[in-house]
C-alpha atoms as a PDB file:
ATOM      1  CA  UNK A   1      23.581 117.047 189.956  1.00  0.00           C
ATOM      2  CA  UNK A   2      20.735 115.453 187.962  1.00  0.00           C
ATOM      3  CA  UNK A   3      17.442 114.544 189.616  1.00  0.00           C
ATOM      4  CA  UNK A   4      17.777 110.848 190.486  1.00  0.00           C
ATOM      5  CA  UNK A   5      14.554 109.005 189.634  1.00  0.00           C
ATOM      6  CA  UNK A   6      13.200 105.546 190.475  1.00  0.00           C
ATOM      7  CA  UNK A   7      10.401 104.147 188.268  1.00  0.00           C
ATOM      8  CA  UNK A   8       7.784 101.830 189.822  1.00  0.00           C
ATOM      9  CA  UNK A   9       5.129 100.312 187.554  1.00  0.00           C
ATOM     10  CA  UNK A  10       4.123  96.717 186.877  1.00  0.00           C
ATOM     11  CA  UNK A  11       3.889  97.337 183.112  1.00  0.00           C
ATOM     12  CA  UNK A  12       7.230  96.962 181.339  1.00  0.00           C
ATOM     13  CA  UNK A  13       6.158  99.146 178.418  1.00  0.00           C
ATOM     14  CA  UNK A  14       5.237 102.012 180.754  1.00  0.00           C
ATOM     15  CA  UNK A  15       8.613 101.864 182.485  1.00  0.00           C
ATOM     16  CA  UNK A  16      10.427 101.581 179.165  1.00  0.00           C
ATOM     17  CA  UNK A  17       8.571 104.560 177.694  1.00  0.00           C
ATOM     18  CA  UNK A  18       9.259 106.697 180.754  1.00  0.00           C
ATOM     19  CA  UNK A  19      12.909 105.685 180.748  1.00  0.00           C
ATOM     20  CA  UNK A  20      13.341 106.608 177.079  1.00  0.00           C
ATOM     21  CA  UNK A  21      11.733 110.011 177.576  1.00  0.00           C
ATOM     22  CA  UNK A  22      13.548 110.876 180.802  1.00  0.00           C
ATOM     23  CA  UNK A  23      16.884 110.113 179.137  1.00  0.00           C
ATOM     24  CA  UNK A  24      16.201 113.144 176.908  1.00  0.00           C
ATOM     25  CA  UNK A  25      16.147 115.414 179.969  1.00  0.00           C
ATOM     26  CA  UNK A  26      19.663 116.575 180.785  1.00  0.00           C
ATOM     27  CA  UNK A  27      18.830 117.275 184.422  1.00  0.00           C
ATOM     28  CA  UNK A  28      17.276 113.849 185.124  1.00  0.00           C
ATOM     29  CA  UNK A  29      18.634 110.327 185.508  1.00  0.00           C
ATOM     30  CA  UNK A  30      16.728 107.060 185.970  1.00  0.00           C
ATOM     31  CA  UNK A  31      18.660 105.070 188.565  1.00  0.00           C
ATOM     32  CA  UNK A  32      16.354 102.082 188.951  1.00  0.00           C
ATOM     33  CA  UNK A  33      13.109 100.330 188.033  1.00  0.00           C
ATOM     34  CA  UNK A  34      10.653  98.281 190.087  1.00  0.00           C
ATOM     35  CA  UNK A  35       7.727  96.119 188.967  1.00  0.00           C
ATOM     36  CA  UNK A  36       5.853  96.117 192.289  1.00  0.00           C
ATOM     37  CA  UNK A  37       5.626  98.000 195.566  1.00  0.00           C
ATOM     38  CA  UNK A  38       7.927  95.677 197.491  1.00  0.00           C
ATOM     39  CA  UNK A  39      10.658  96.054 194.874  1.00  0.00           C
ATOM     40  CA  UNK A  40      10.169  99.821 194.937  1.00  0.00           C
ATOM     41  CA  UNK A  41      10.539  99.830 198.718  1.00  0.00           C
ATOM     42  CA  UNK A  42      13.743  97.780 198.606  1.00  0.00           C
ATOM     43  CA  UNK A  43      15.321  99.694 195.733  1.00  0.00           C
ATOM     44  CA  UNK A  44      14.412 103.037 197.265  1.00  0.00           C
ATOM     45  CA  UNK A  45      16.235 102.110 200.469  1.00  0.00           C
ATOM     46  CA  UNK A  46      19.288 100.980 198.499  1.00  0.00           C
ATOM     47  CA  UNK A  47      19.406 103.831 195.973  1.00  0.00           C
ATOM     48  CA  UNK A  48      17.816 106.727 197.925  1.00  0.00           C
ATOM     49  CA  UNK A  49      16.344 108.445 194.837  1.00  0.00           C
ATOM     50  CA  UNK A  50      15.297 112.079 194.820  1.00  0.00           C
ATOM     51  CA  UNK A  51      11.968 111.302 193.154  1.00  0.00           C
ATOM     52  CA  UNK A  52       9.928 108.128 192.682  1.00  0.00           C
ATOM     53  CA  UNK A  53       7.447 107.915 189.793  1.00  0.00           C
ATOM     54  CA  UNK A  54       4.988 105.273 190.963  1.00  0.00           C
ATOM     55  CA  UNK A  55       1.770 103.620 189.820  1.00  0.00           C
ATOM     56  CA  UNK A  56      -0.945 102.902 192.393  1.00  0.00           C
ATOM     57  CA  UNK A  57      -2.085  99.452 191.269  1.00  0.00           C
ATOM     58  CA  UNK A  58       0.867  97.100 191.562  1.00  0.00           C
ATOM     59  CA  UNK A  59       1.193  93.486 192.755  1.00  0.00           C
ATOM     60  CA  UNK A  60       2.673  92.402 196.105  1.00  0.00           C
ATOM     61  CA  UNK A  61       2.296  95.898 197.615  1.00  0.00           C
ATOM     62  CA  UNK A  62       0.191  98.719 196.180  1.00  0.00           C
ATOM     63  CA  UNK A  63       1.397 102.271 195.697  1.00  0.00           C
ATOM     64  CA  UNK A  64      -0.447 103.730 198.680  1.00  0.00           C
ATOM     65  CA  UNK A  65       1.043 101.293 201.191  1.00  0.00           C
ATOM     66  CA  UNK A  66       4.456 101.733 199.571  1.00  0.00           C
ATOM     67  CA  UNK A  67       4.154 105.515 199.912  1.00  0.00           C
ATOM     68  CA  UNK A  68       3.167 105.215 203.590  1.00  0.00           C
ATOM     69  CA  UNK A  69       6.241 103.138 204.376  1.00  0.00           C
ATOM     70  CA  UNK A  70       8.613 105.290 202.335  1.00  0.00           C
ATOM     71  CA  UNK A  71       7.371 108.434 204.060  1.00  0.00           C
ATOM     72  CA  UNK A  72       8.826 107.093 207.310  1.00  0.00           C
ATOM     73  CA  UNK A  73      11.907 105.401 205.855  1.00  0.00           C
ATOM     74  CA  UNK A  74      12.994 108.092 203.370  1.00  0.00           C
ATOM     75  CA  UNK A  75      11.345 111.391 204.319  1.00  0.00           C
ATOM     76  CA  UNK A  76      13.451 113.356 201.827  1.00  0.00           C
ATOM     77  CA  UNK A  77      12.451 111.212 198.835  1.00  0.00           C
ATOM     78  CA  UNK A  78       9.476 112.692 197.003  1.00  0.00           C
ATOM     79  CA  UNK A  79       6.833 110.441 195.475  1.00  0.00           C
ATOM     80  CA  UNK A  80       4.795 111.263 192.384  1.00  0.00           C
ATOM     81  CA  UNK A  81       1.838 109.020 191.597  1.00  0.00           C
ATOM     82  CA  UNK A  82       1.377 108.399 187.874  1.00  0.00           C
ATOM     83  CA  UNK A  83      -1.924 106.578 187.401  1.00  0.00           C
ATOM     84  CA  UNK A  84      -5.109 106.280 185.353  1.00  0.00           C
ATOM     85  CA  UNK A  85      -7.469 106.891 188.284  1.00  0.00           C
ATOM     86  CA  UNK A  86      -8.716 110.263 189.522  1.00  0.00           C
ATOM     87  CA  UNK A  87     -11.604 109.302 191.850  1.00  0.00           C
ATOM     88  CA  UNK A  88     -11.548 110.147 195.545  1.00  0.00           C
ATOM     89  CA  UNK A  89     -11.004 106.506 196.532  1.00  0.00           C
ATOM     90  CA  UNK A  90      -7.546 106.829 194.993  1.00  0.00           C
ATOM     91  CA  UNK A  91      -6.686 110.531 195.322  1.00  0.00           C
ATOM     92  CA  UNK A  92      -7.405 111.083 199.014  1.00  0.00           C
ATOM     93  CA  UNK A  93      -5.621 107.973 200.394  1.00  0.00           C
ATOM     94  CA  UNK A  94      -2.617 108.704 198.174  1.00  0.00           C
ATOM     95  CA  UNK A  95      -2.292 112.283 199.389  1.00  0.00           C
ATOM     96  CA  UNK A  96      -2.784 111.181 202.991  1.00  0.00           C
ATOM     97  CA  UNK A  97      -0.018 108.612 202.454  1.00  0.00           C
ATOM     98  CA  UNK A  98       2.366 111.485 201.766  1.00  0.00           C
ATOM     99  CA  UNK A  99       2.741 111.657 197.981  1.00  0.00           C
ATOM    100  CA  UNK A 100       3.862 115.039 196.638  1.00  0.00           C
ATOM    101  CA  UNK A 101       2.389 114.646 193.180  1.00  0.00           C
ATOM    102  CA  UNK A 102      -0.718 113.048 191.694  1.00  0.00           C
ATOM    103  CA  UNK A 103      -0.684 112.901 187.895  1.00  0.00           C
ATOM    104  CA  UNK A 104      -2.663 110.987 185.289  1.00  0.00           C
ATOM    105  CA  UNK A 105      -1.055 108.991 182.518  1.00  0.00           C
ATOM    106  CA  UNK A 106      -2.598 111.265 179.877  1.00  0.00           C
ATOM    107  CA  UNK A 107      -0.095 113.968 180.839  1.00  0.00           C
ATOM    108  CA  UNK A 108       2.076 115.436 178.087  1.00  0.00           C
ATOM    109  CA  UNK A 109       5.738 114.372 178.370  1.00  0.00           C
ATOM    110  CA  UNK A 110       7.025 117.930 178.756  1.00  0.00           C
ATOM    111  CA  UNK A 111       4.440 118.619 181.455  1.00  0.00           C
ATOM    112  CA  UNK A 112       5.640 115.512 183.287  1.00  0.00           C
ATOM    113  CA  UNK A 113       9.210 116.806 183.180  1.00  0.00           C
ATOM    114  CA  UNK A 114       8.072 120.149 184.593  1.00  0.00           C
ATOM    115  CA  UNK A 115       6.102 118.374 187.325  1.00  0.00           C
ATOM    116  CA  UNK A 116       9.137 116.307 188.331  1.00  0.00           C
ATOM    117  CA  UNK A 117      11.255 119.450 188.618  1.00  0.00           C
ATOM    118  CA  UNK A 118       8.578 121.226 190.635  1.00  0.00           C
ATOM    119  CA  UNK A 119       8.126 118.337 193.076  1.00  0.00           C
ATOM    120  CA  UNK A 120      11.892 118.009 193.447  1.00  0.00           C
ATOM    121  CA  UNK A 121      12.027 121.705 194.369  1.00  0.00           C
ATOM    122  CA  UNK A 122       9.368 121.313 197.063  1.00  0.00           C
ATOM    123  CA  UNK A 123       6.077 121.934 195.310  1.00  0.00           C
ATOM    124  CA  UNK A 124       3.025 119.673 195.198  1.00  0.00           C
ATOM    125  CA  UNK A 125       1.785 118.790 191.706  1.00  0.00           C
ATOM    126  CA  UNK A 126      -1.852 117.857 191.091  1.00  0.00           C
ATOM    127  CA  UNK A 127      -3.710 116.903 187.938  1.00  0.00           C
ATOM    128  CA  UNK A 128      -6.877 119.065 187.621  1.00  0.00           C
ATOM    129  CA  UNK A 129      -9.139 116.067 188.322  1.00  0.00           C
ATOM    130  CA  UNK A 130      -7.220 115.261 191.519  1.00  0.00           C
ATOM    131  CA  UNK A 131      -7.309 118.917 192.561  1.00  0.00           C
ATOM    132  CA  UNK A 132     -11.061 118.940 191.991  1.00  0.00           C
ATOM    133  CA  UNK A 133     -11.472 115.940 194.280  1.00  0.00           C
ATOM    134  CA  UNK A 134      -9.423 117.543 197.039  1.00  0.00           C
ATOM    135  CA  UNK A 135     -11.332 120.815 196.712  1.00  0.00           C
ATOM    136  CA  UNK A 136     -14.567 118.857 197.123  1.00  0.00           C
ATOM    137  CA  UNK A 137     -13.295 117.154 200.279  1.00  0.00           C
ATOM    138  CA  UNK A 138     -11.797 120.353 201.716  1.00  0.00           C
ATOM    139  CA  UNK A 139     -15.041 122.252 201.104  1.00  0.00           C
ATOM    140  CA  UNK A 140     -16.891 119.575 203.063  1.00  0.00           C
ATOM    141  CA  UNK A 141     -14.321 119.908 205.847  1.00  0.00           C
ATOM    142  CA  UNK A 142     -14.834 123.662 205.942  1.00  0.00           C
ATOM    143  CA  UNK A 143     -18.539 123.094 206.509  1.00  0.00           C
ATOM    144  CA  UNK A 144     -17.747 120.611 209.274  1.00  0.00           C
ATOM    145  CA  UNK A 145     -15.265 123.025 210.856  1.00  0.00           C
ATOM    146  CA  UNK A 146     -17.857 125.801 210.825  1.00  0.00           C
ATOM    147  CA  UNK A 147     -20.392 123.509 212.450  1.00  0.00           C
ATOM    148  CA  UNK A 148     -17.828 122.549 215.092  1.00  0.00           C
ATOM    149  CA  UNK A 149     -17.147 126.207 215.920  1.00  0.00           C
ATOM    150  CA  UNK A 150     -20.865 126.812 216.342  1.00  0.00           C
ATOM    151  CA  UNK A 151     -20.973 123.896 218.769  1.00  0.00           C
ATOM    152  CA  UNK A 152     -18.005 125.341 220.677  1.00  0.00           C
ATOM    153  CA  UNK A 153     -15.508 122.695 219.615  1.00  0.00           C
ATOM    154  CA  UNK A 154     -12.372 122.959 217.508  1.00  0.00           C
ATOM    155  CA  UNK A 155     -11.066 120.562 214.898  1.00  0.00           C
ATOM    156  CA  UNK A 156      -8.190 121.035 212.511  1.00  0.00           C
ATOM    157  CA  UNK A 157      -8.013 119.107 209.266  1.00  0.00           C
ATOM    158  CA  UNK A 158      -5.592 118.916 206.389  1.00  0.00           C
ATOM    159  CA  UNK A 159      -4.886 116.450 203.631  1.00  0.00           C
ATOM    160  CA  UNK A 160      -1.217 117.265 203.189  1.00  0.00           C
ATOM    161  CA  UNK A 161       1.624 116.014 205.332  1.00  0.00           C
ATOM    162  CA  UNK A 162       4.315 118.682 205.643  1.00  0.00           C
ATOM    163  CA  UNK A 163       4.255 122.440 205.894  1.00  0.00           C
ATOM    164  CA  UNK A 164       4.244 125.443 203.586  1.00  0.00           C
ATOM    165  CA  UNK A 165       3.941 123.421 200.405  1.00  0.00           C
ATOM    166  CA  UNK A 166       2.963 125.044 197.142  1.00  0.00           C
ATOM    167  CA  UNK A 167       0.090 123.263 195.433  1.00  0.00           C
ATOM    168  CA  UNK A 168       0.233 123.516 191.654  1.00  0.00           C
ATOM    169  CA  UNK A 169      -2.274 122.252 189.139  1.00  0.00           C
ATOM    170  CA  UNK A 170      -0.736 120.542 186.163  1.00  0.00           C
ATOM    171  CA  UNK A 171      -2.034 121.148 182.675  1.00  0.00           C
ATOM    172  CA  UNK A 172      -4.074 118.564 180.837  1.00  0.00           C
ATOM    173  CA  UNK A 173      -7.701 117.509 180.435  1.00  0.00           C
ATOM    174  CA  UNK A 174      -9.758 116.984 183.572  1.00  0.00           C
ATOM    175  CA  UNK A 175     -10.811 113.357 183.155  1.00  0.00           C
ATOM    176  CA  UNK A 176     -13.262 112.131 185.770  1.00  0.00           C
ATOM    177  CA  UNK A 177     -13.464 108.507 186.803  1.00  0.00           C
ATOM    178  CA  UNK A 178     -16.771 109.136 188.609  1.00  0.00           C
ATOM    179  CA  UNK A 179     -18.404 112.325 187.269  1.00  0.00           C
ATOM    180  CA  UNK A 180     -21.406 112.087 189.590  1.00  0.00           C
ATOM    181  CA  UNK A 181     -19.144 112.715 192.595  1.00  0.00           C
ATOM    182  CA  UNK A 182     -17.088 115.502 191.081  1.00  0.00           C
ATOM    183  CA  UNK A 183     -19.062 118.704 191.031  1.00  0.00           C
ATOM    184  CA  UNK A 184     -16.285 121.190 191.684  1.00  0.00           C
ATOM    185  CA  UNK A 185     -14.246 122.982 188.988  1.00  0.00           C
ATOM    186  CA  UNK A 186     -10.530 122.274 188.608  1.00  0.00           C
ATOM    187  CA  UNK A 187      -8.195 123.863 191.122  1.00  0.00           C
ATOM    188  CA  UNK A 188      -6.383 126.679 189.368  1.00  0.00           C
ATOM    189  CA  UNK A 189      -4.613 128.669 192.057  1.00  0.00           C
ATOM    190  CA  UNK A 190      -1.704 128.192 194.456  1.00  0.00           C
ATOM    191  CA  UNK A 191      -2.161 128.031 198.200  1.00  0.00           C
ATOM    192  CA  UNK A 192      -0.144 127.145 201.297  1.00  0.00           C
ATOM    193  CA  UNK A 193      -1.150 124.424 203.738  1.00  0.00           C
ATOM    194  CA  UNK A 194       0.175 124.121 207.278  1.00  0.00           C
ATOM    195  CA  UNK A 195       0.622 120.715 208.851  1.00  0.00           C
ATOM    196  CA  UNK A 196      -2.102 119.633 211.248  1.00  0.00           C
ATOM    197  CA  UNK A 197      -3.252 116.260 212.536  1.00  0.00           C
ATOM    198  CA  UNK A 198      -6.500 115.079 210.989  1.00  0.00           C
ATOM    199  CA  UNK A 199      -7.854 113.339 214.062  1.00  0.00           C
ATOM    200  CA  UNK A 200     -11.048 113.580 216.016  1.00  0.00           C
ATOM    201  CA  UNK A 201     -10.894 114.799 219.601  1.00  0.00           C
ATOM    202  CA  UNK A 202      -9.512 111.781 221.517  1.00  0.00           C
ATOM    203  CA  UNK A 203     -11.199 112.935 224.710  1.00  0.00           C
ATOM    204  CA  UNK A 204     -14.649 112.722 223.105  1.00  0.00           C
ATOM    205  CA  UNK A 205     -16.188 109.230 223.073  1.00  0.00           C
ATOM    206  CA  UNK A 206     -17.851 108.052 219.870  1.00  0.00           C
ATOM    207  CA  UNK A 207     -21.461 109.150 219.536  1.00  0.00           C
ATOM    208  CA  UNK A 208     -24.264 106.648 218.980  1.00  0.00           C
ATOM    209  CA  UNK A 209     -25.928 109.072 216.553  1.00  0.00           C
ATOM    210  CA  UNK A 210     -27.197 106.858 213.731  1.00  0.00           C
ATOM    211  CA  UNK A 211     -24.769 104.068 214.608  1.00  0.00           C
ATOM    212  CA  UNK A 212     -27.353 101.942 216.409  1.00  0.00           C
ATOM    213  CA  UNK A 213     -28.959 101.297 213.034  1.00  0.00           C
ATOM    214  CA  UNK A 214     -25.738  99.829 211.640  1.00  0.00           C
ATOM    215  CA  UNK A 215     -24.680  96.212 211.844  1.00  0.00           C
ATOM    216  CA  UNK A 216     -21.307  95.317 213.347  1.00  0.00           C
ATOM    217  CA  UNK A 217     -19.831  94.812 209.884  1.00  0.00           C
ATOM    218  CA  UNK A 218     -21.231  98.139 208.641  1.00  0.00           C
ATOM    219  CA  UNK A 219     -19.582  99.884 211.598  1.00  0.00           C
ATOM    220  CA  UNK A 220     -16.286  98.237 210.711  1.00  0.00           C
ATOM    221  CA  UNK A 221     -16.613  99.404 207.108  1.00  0.00           C
ATOM    222  CA  UNK A 222     -17.477 102.947 208.234  1.00  0.00           C
ATOM    223  CA  UNK A 223     -14.411 103.040 210.464  1.00  0.00           C
ATOM    224  CA  UNK A 224     -12.163 101.972 207.586  1.00  0.00           C
ATOM    225  CA  UNK A 225     -13.754 104.537 205.256  1.00  0.00           C
ATOM    226  CA  UNK A 226     -12.895 107.154 207.877  1.00  0.00           C
ATOM    227  CA  UNK A 227      -9.266 105.984 207.714  1.00  0.00           C
ATOM    228  CA  UNK A 228      -9.229 106.694 203.977  1.00  0.00           C
ATOM    229  CA  UNK A 229      -9.234 103.091 202.756  1.00  0.00           C
ATOM    230  CA  UNK A 230     -10.679 102.238 199.340  1.00  0.00           C
ATOM    231  CA  UNK A 231     -13.245  99.473 198.814  1.00  0.00           C
ATOM    232  CA  UNK A 232     -10.490  97.162 197.599  1.00  0.00           C
ATOM    233  CA  UNK A 233      -8.346  97.837 200.684  1.00  0.00           C
ATOM    234  CA  UNK A 234     -11.353  97.325 202.976  1.00  0.00           C
ATOM    235  CA  UNK A 235     -12.080  94.004 201.269  1.00  0.00           C
ATOM    236  CA  UNK A 236      -8.523  92.838 201.923  1.00  0.00           C
ATOM    237  CA  UNK A 237      -8.605  94.051 205.534  1.00  0.00           C
ATOM    238  CA  UNK A 238     -11.928  92.333 206.332  1.00  0.00           C
ATOM    239  CA  UNK A 239     -11.293  89.268 204.131  1.00  0.00           C
ATOM    240  CA  UNK A 240     -14.472  89.760 202.100  1.00  0.00           C
ATOM    241  CA  UNK A 241     -15.138  90.516 198.431  1.00  0.00           C
ATOM    242  CA  UNK A 242     -15.089  94.037 197.027  1.00  0.00           C
ATOM    243  CA  UNK A 243     -18.702  93.521 195.910  1.00  0.00           C
ATOM    244  CA  UNK A 244     -19.691  92.799 199.514  1.00  0.00           C
ATOM    245  CA  UNK A 245     -17.907  95.968 200.650  1.00  0.00           C
ATOM    246  CA  UNK A 246     -19.877  98.006 198.108  1.00  0.00           C
ATOM    247  CA  UNK A 247     -23.094  96.482 199.450  1.00  0.00           C
ATOM    248  CA  UNK A 248     -22.174  97.402 203.038  1.00  0.00           C
ATOM    249  CA  UNK A 249     -21.259 100.949 201.953  1.00  0.00           C
ATOM    250  CA  UNK A 250     -24.582 101.338 200.152  1.00  0.00           C
ATOM    251  CA  UNK A 251     -26.517 100.089 203.183  1.00  0.00           C
ATOM    252  CA  UNK A 252     -24.715 102.284 205.714  1.00  0.00           C
ATOM    253  CA  UNK A 253     -25.137 105.365 203.510  1.00  0.00           C
ATOM    254  CA  UNK A 254     -28.876 104.675 203.278  1.00  0.00           C
ATOM    255  CA  UNK A 255     -29.210 104.102 207.024  1.00  0.00           C
ATOM    256  CA  UNK A 256     -27.279 107.270 207.894  1.00  0.00           C
ATOM    257  CA  UNK A 257     -28.992 109.361 205.226  1.00  0.00           C
ATOM    258  CA  UNK A 258     -25.686 110.239 203.553  1.00  0.00           C
ATOM    259  CA  UNK A 259     -24.922 110.779 199.871  1.00  0.00           C
ATOM    260  CA  UNK A 260     -21.365 109.494 199.443  1.00  0.00           C
ATOM    261  CA  UNK A 261     -18.172 108.253 201.090  1.00  0.00           C
ATOM    262  CA  UNK A 262     -16.958 111.782 201.832  1.00  0.00           C
ATOM    263  CA  UNK A 263     -20.041 112.472 203.932  1.00  0.00           C
ATOM    264  CA  UNK A 264     -19.610 109.102 205.625  1.00  0.00           C
ATOM    265  CA  UNK A 265     -16.024 109.951 206.609  1.00  0.00           C
ATOM    266  CA  UNK A 266     -17.108 113.369 207.893  1.00  0.00           C
ATOM    267  CA  UNK A 267     -19.944 111.759 209.851  1.00  0.00           C
ATOM    268  CA  UNK A 268     -17.409 109.460 211.482  1.00  0.00           C
ATOM    269  CA  UNK A 269     -15.165 112.422 212.394  1.00  0.00           C
ATOM    270  CA  UNK A 270     -18.053 114.436 213.766  1.00  0.00           C
ATOM    271  CA  UNK A 271     -19.092 111.569 216.007  1.00  0.00           C
ATOM    272  CA  UNK A 272     -15.704 110.848 217.506  1.00  0.00           C
ATOM    273  CA  UNK A 273     -14.197 108.210 215.247  1.00  0.00           C
ATOM    274  CA  UNK A 274     -10.413 108.494 215.108  1.00  0.00           C
ATOM    275  CA  UNK A 275      -8.953 108.793 211.598  1.00  0.00           C
END
């Protein structure tokens, strides 16, 4: 049986190019195409593909929200993100939404075919830039976990939904959308991740540490950062402009003495905010 694939991208030329290439693979078959997240959701429920190749930035419903919904509706369908963005504002929410692959559009066609086969067989495929982002976040979590143990508390964090998944770095150049935030080398080994819930201790009330200095809106933004939302998603949620969100993020980072969004999310976890 060939691997049944659904393509979801708002650019016709991208879908057409993928379709032409995938037709050359004897073990793959494109069974449908969608131009936005809502179409992808509807077609996926009708066709039940094995793998969905999906862009993140699409009209009507973006790729992250689509992935979240499909994870519950079609748990056996595996989603591979194929995008141009490798910054943490895109990588982390996508992985938390349940995608099993995160690839950039500079990938070589044959490497894409290999990645599709690997994801279909149960592996997790990451572009080096995406792996670097996750390593950066996981390293920060390790430091937080160590601090929690010293304080006598226990927290378990993971970015992956599912158990015993093999993480594999794809080949290709490590392009960085925001080099100043990516200081870790590419991830080049395989490792297993068990499934844990990435939540703060529900019995611990939120701490006021540093929060008294924040405005109500800045607290709202911090809470949404802790949930893994990007600036664009926060803007939609709060009905404000993305530029205003960036201003709030800058102010709250300054007030809390933090360097970036990762530290802000960890600060929220450490002080009892539920993710």
